[in-house]
Amino acid sequence: SDLRPVLEDPAQRAVFTRLLRHHVVAGRLGPDAFVDGAMLTSIDGRPLAVRRIGPVVEVGGVRVRLADPVEGDNGVAYEAADV
């Protein structure tokens, strides 16, 4: 389903902001930054443990796909499951 109308709804802005702040880490992290046992901190201050076994990476318990990152002017975005 397309969540865009929900996310663009001004009434949902606070929910969307909380969601983003929990899933964003400050800085420009390349795939090599996701080492097993590393601890990252989301911009809302929550600790996010990195678990990496071979090509499988989880950050804060969410599987992250490091292949084909989206490069932006202010950071790098990785596809995350169940977000």
Protein backbone atom coordinates (compact mmCIF):
# COMPACT_ATOMS: atom_id res chain seq x y z
CA SER A 1 0.00 0.00 0.00
CA ASP A 2 1.10 3.58 -0.57
CA LEU A 3 1.86 5.30 2.74
CA ARG A 4 2.71 8.64 1.18
CA PRO A 5 -0.71 10.28 1.86
CA VAL A 6 -0.51 9.22 5.51
CA LEU A 7 3.08 10.46 5.91
CA GLU A 8 2.28 13.79 4.25
CA ASP A 9 -0.80 14.38 6.43
CA PRO A 10 -0.01 17.28 8.82
CA ALA A 11 -1.88 15.42 11.57
CA GLN A 12 0.68 12.60 11.30
CA ARG A 13 3.77 14.84 11.27
CA ALA A 14 4.69 14.15 14.92
CA VAL A 15 4.45 10.38 14.41
CA PHE A 16 6.51 10.57 11.22
CA THR A 17 9.14 12.74 12.94
CA ARG A 18 9.50 10.26 15.84
CA LEU A 19 9.80 7.39 13.37
CA LEU A 20 12.54 9.13 11.40
CA ARG A 21 14.48 10.27 14.46
CA HIS A 22 14.62 6.71 15.75
CA HIS A 23 15.93 5.35 12.42
CA VAL A 24 18.50 8.02 11.53
CA VAL A 25 22.11 8.10 12.74
CA ALA A 26 24.17 11.28 12.47
CA GLY A 27 27.09 11.22 10.10
CA ARG A 28 27.83 9.65 6.75
CA LEU A 29 28.25 5.92 7.44
CA GLY A 30 29.56 3.66 4.73
CA PRO A 31 28.90 -0.09 4.70
CA ASP A 32 32.18 -0.76 6.53
CA ALA A 33 30.88 1.11 9.59
CA PHE A 34 28.39 -1.68 10.29
CA VAL A 35 30.67 -4.08 12.16
CA ASP A 36 29.39 -6.74 14.51
CA GLY A 37 29.17 -5.43 18.06
CA ALA A 38 29.29 -1.74 17.13
CA MET A 39 26.95 0.63 18.92
CA LEU A 40 25.33 3.48 17.02
CA THR A 41 23.13 6.21 18.45
CA SER A 42 19.99 7.38 16.69
CA ILE A 43 19.41 11.13 16.53
CA ASP A 44 16.76 10.74 19.22
CA GLY A 45 19.48 9.36 21.52
CA ARG A 46 18.55 5.68 21.47
CA PRO A 47 21.38 3.14 21.32
CA LEU A 48 21.31 0.85 18.29
CA ALA A 49 23.38 -2.33 18.46
CA VAL A 50 24.87 -3.63 15.21
CA ARG A 51 24.78 -7.37 14.65
CA ARG A 52 26.54 -8.66 11.55
CA ILE A 53 26.91 -12.26 10.51
CA GLY A 54 28.37 -12.45 7.02
CA PRO A 55 26.18 -10.42 4.68
CA VAL A 56 23.29 -10.20 7.16
CA VAL A 57 23.24 -6.94 9.11
CA GLU A 58 20.81 -5.87 11.82
CA VAL A 59 20.78 -2.44 13.43
CA GLY A 60 18.66 -2.13 16.53
CA GLY A 61 17.05 -5.47 15.67
CA VAL A 62 16.04 -4.36 12.16
CA ARG A 63 17.58 -6.03 9.13
CA VAL A 64 19.43 -3.52 6.94
CA ARG A 65 20.44 -4.08 3.32
CA LEU A 66 23.86 -2.51 2.71
CA ALA A 67 23.89 -3.15 -1.05
CA ASP A 68 22.83 -0.26 -3.28
CA PRO A 69 22.80 2.56 -0.72
CA VAL A 70 21.16 5.83 -1.73
CA GLU A 71 23.72 8.63 -1.62
CA GLY A 72 22.39 12.06 -0.71
CA ASP A 73 23.97 15.44 -0.16
CA ASN A 74 23.66 15.06 3.60
CA GLY A 75 24.04 11.32 4.15
CA VAL A 76 23.58 7.75 3.03
CA ALA A 77 20.32 5.80 3.21
CA TYR A 78 20.05 2.03 3.45
CA GLU A 79 16.98 -0.08 2.92
CA ALA A 80 15.57 -1.41 6.18
CA ALA A 81 13.04 -4.20 6.59
CA ASP A 82 9.83 -3.63 8.55
CA VAL A 83 10.18 0.14 8.85
